[in-house]
C-alpha atoms as a PDB file:
ATOM      1  CA  MET A   1     159.432  61.896 160.323  1.00  0.00           C
ATOM      2  CA  ALA A   2     161.579  59.003 161.341  1.00  0.00           C
ATOM      3  CA  THR A   3     165.179  58.226 159.855  1.00  0.00           C
ATOM      4  CA  VAL A   4     165.402  54.570 157.622  1.00  0.00           C
ATOM      5  CA  ARG A   5     168.458  53.389 157.309  1.00  0.00           C
ATOM      6  CA  ILE A   6     168.788  50.954 154.432  1.00  0.00           C
ATOM      7  CA  PRO A   7     171.906  48.410 154.064  1.00  0.00           C
ATOM      8  CA  THR A   8     173.090  48.422 151.211  1.00  0.00           C
ATOM      9  CA  GLN A   9     171.785  44.907 149.323  1.00  0.00           C
ATOM     10  CA  LEU A  10     168.286  47.199 149.972  1.00  0.00           C
ATOM     11  CA  ARG A  11     169.934  50.771 148.527  1.00  0.00           C
ATOM     12  CA  THR A  12     168.266  49.904 144.559  1.00  0.00           C
ATOM     13  CA  LEU A  13     164.855  49.721 145.690  1.00  0.00           C
ATOM     14  CA  SER A  14     165.492  53.325 147.588  1.00  0.00           C
ATOM     15  CA  GLY A  15     167.535  54.548 144.275  1.00  0.00           C
ATOM     16  CA  GLY A  16     170.104  54.823 145.920  1.00  0.00           C
ATOM     17  CA  ALA A  17     169.617  56.426 149.017  1.00  0.00           C
ATOM     18  CA  ALA A  18     171.227  55.556 152.098  1.00  0.00           C
ATOM     19  CA  GLU A  19     168.647  56.656 154.694  1.00  0.00           C
ATOM     20  CA  VAL A  20     165.204  57.869 153.900  1.00  0.00           C
ATOM     21  CA  SER A  21     162.379  59.861 155.825  1.00  0.00           C
ATOM     22  CA  VAL A  22     158.807  57.908 156.852  1.00  0.00           C
ATOM     23  CA  ASP A  23     156.261  58.532 158.837  1.00  0.00           C
ATOM     24  CA  GLY A  24     154.780  56.219 161.445  1.00  0.00           C
ATOM     25  CA  SER A  25     154.475  55.963 164.977  1.00  0.00           C
ATOM     26  CA  THR A  26     155.310  52.001 165.245  1.00  0.00           C
ATOM     27  CA  VAL A  27     158.296  50.409 163.568  1.00  0.00           C
ATOM     28  CA  GLY A  28     155.300  48.627 161.378  1.00  0.00           C
ATOM     29  CA  GLU A  29     154.313  51.477 160.459  1.00  0.00           C
ATOM     30  CA  VAL A  30     157.691  53.376 159.622  1.00  0.00           C
ATOM     31  CA  LEU A  31     158.232  50.216 157.474  1.00  0.00           C
ATOM     32  CA  LYS A  32     154.922  49.677 155.379  1.00  0.00           C
ATOM     33  CA  ALA A  33     155.388  53.616 154.568  1.00  0.00           C
ATOM     34  CA  LEU A  34     159.188  53.461 153.938  1.00  0.00           C
ATOM     35  CA  ASP A  35     157.160  50.457 151.207  1.00  0.00           C
ATOM     36  CA  ALA A  36     154.695  52.617 150.080  1.00  0.00           C
ATOM     37  CA  ALA A  37     157.052  55.584 149.065  1.00  0.00           C
ATOM     38  CA  TYR A  38     159.793  53.040 147.616  1.00  0.00           C
ATOM     39  CA  PRO A  39     157.393  49.809 146.681  1.00  0.00           C
ATOM     40  CA  GLY A  40     159.639  46.474 146.988  1.00  0.00           C
ATOM     41  CA  PHE A  41     160.127  46.831 150.399  1.00  0.00           C
ATOM     42  CA  GLN A  42     157.645  44.955 152.053  1.00  0.00           C
ATOM     43  CA  ALA A  43     158.790  41.666 149.839  1.00  0.00           C
ATOM     44  CA  ARG A  44     162.329  41.746 150.685  1.00  0.00           C
ATOM     45  CA  LEU A  45     161.016  42.339 155.036  1.00  0.00           C
ATOM     46  CA  PHE A  46     158.294  40.840 155.055  1.00  0.00           C
ATOM     47  CA  ASP A  47     157.437  36.720 154.995  1.00  0.00           C
ATOM     48  CA  ASP A  48     153.639  35.409 154.041  1.00  0.00           C
ATOM     49  CA  ALA A  49     152.260  36.405 157.597  1.00  0.00           C
ATOM     50  CA  GLY A  50     153.381  39.404 158.349  1.00  0.00           C
ATOM     51  CA  GLY A  51     156.408  39.375 160.184  1.00  0.00           C
ATOM     52  CA  LEU A  52     159.446  40.671 159.852  1.00  0.00           C
ATOM     53  CA  ARG A  53     161.905  37.639 157.711  1.00  0.00           C
ATOM     54  CA  ARG A  54     163.846  35.471 159.555  1.00  0.00           C
ATOM     55  CA  PHE A  55     167.313  37.055 158.604  1.00  0.00           C
ATOM     56  CA  VAL A  56     165.756  41.156 158.433  1.00  0.00           C
ATOM     57  CA  ASN A  57     166.872  42.601 162.488  1.00  0.00           C
ATOM     58  CA  VAL A  58     165.851  46.021 162.592  1.00  0.00           C
ATOM     59  CA  PHE A  59     166.969  48.726 165.815  1.00  0.00           C
ATOM     60  CA  VAL A  60     165.357  51.437 166.751  1.00  0.00           C
ATOM     61  CA  ALA A  61     167.381  53.463 168.293  1.00  0.00           C
ATOM     62  CA  ASP A  62     170.430  50.830 168.586  1.00  0.00           C
ATOM     63  CA  GLU A  63     167.581  48.626 170.482  1.00  0.00           C
ATOM     64  CA  ASP A  64     166.545  45.260 168.557  1.00  0.00           C
ATOM     65  CA  VAL A  65     163.246  45.803 168.321  1.00  0.00           C
ATOM     66  CA  ARG A  66     162.898  41.674 168.603  1.00  0.00           C
ATOM     67  CA  PHE A  67     163.364  42.219 172.287  1.00  0.00           C
ATOM     68  CA  SER A  68     160.885  44.700 172.678  1.00  0.00           C
ATOM     69  CA  ASP A  69     157.343  45.190 170.936  1.00  0.00           C
ATOM     70  CA  GLY A  70     158.293  43.924 167.744  1.00  0.00           C
ATOM     71  CA  LEU A  71     156.656  46.176 164.795  1.00  0.00           C
ATOM     72  CA  GLY A  72     154.876  47.663 167.741  1.00  0.00           C
ATOM     73  CA  THR A  73     157.507  49.353 168.836  1.00  0.00           C
ATOM     74  CA  ALA A  74     157.456  53.264 169.197  1.00  0.00           C
ATOM     75  CA  VAL A  75     159.729  55.407 166.916  1.00  0.00           C
ATOM     76  CA  GLU A  76     159.423  59.189 167.949  1.00  0.00           C
ATOM     77  CA  PRO A  77     159.669  61.157 164.989  1.00  0.00           C
ATOM     78  CA  SER A  78     163.241  61.982 165.262  1.00  0.00           C
ATOM     79  CA  GLN A  79     164.575  58.102 165.882  1.00  0.00           C
ATOM     80  CA  THR A  80     166.721  56.510 163.472  1.00  0.00           C
ATOM     81  CA  VAL A  81     165.770  53.016 162.244  1.00  0.00           C
ATOM     82  CA  SER A  82     167.842  50.671 161.024  1.00  0.00           C
ATOM     83  CA  ILE A  83     167.364  47.704 158.563  1.00  0.00           C
ATOM     84  CA  ILE A  84     169.829  45.097 159.069  1.00  0.00           C
ATOM     85  CA  PRO A  85     170.500  42.126 157.360  1.00  0.00           C
ATOM     86  CA  ALA A  86     171.962  38.935 159.171  1.00  0.00           C
ATOM     87  CA  VAL A  87     175.302  37.787 157.689  1.00  0.00           C
ATOM     88  CA  ALA A  88     176.065  34.221 158.193  1.00  0.00           C
ATOM     89  CA  GLY A  89     178.403  31.695 157.149  1.00  0.00           C
ATOM     90  CA  GLY A  90     180.956  29.216 158.294  1.00  0.00           C
END
């Protein structure tokens, strides 16, 4: 099982948990399993085309998945997947 770090803004969906464990061998599978276990994540993380929302960053072992295989990025059972919302301001 992979560990998923949940940002503060989304913890209401995970019952307040900062980290949860779900199965999946790719980032896409892990995030779908996260939504299956804690409904509501899909709408917050994915756009209408099924891709990650523009302001959602996902890291596997501290590597941004946008610079590897995106949702197809491999996830080992002991790895941590971190969901990091982008911060904007001016």
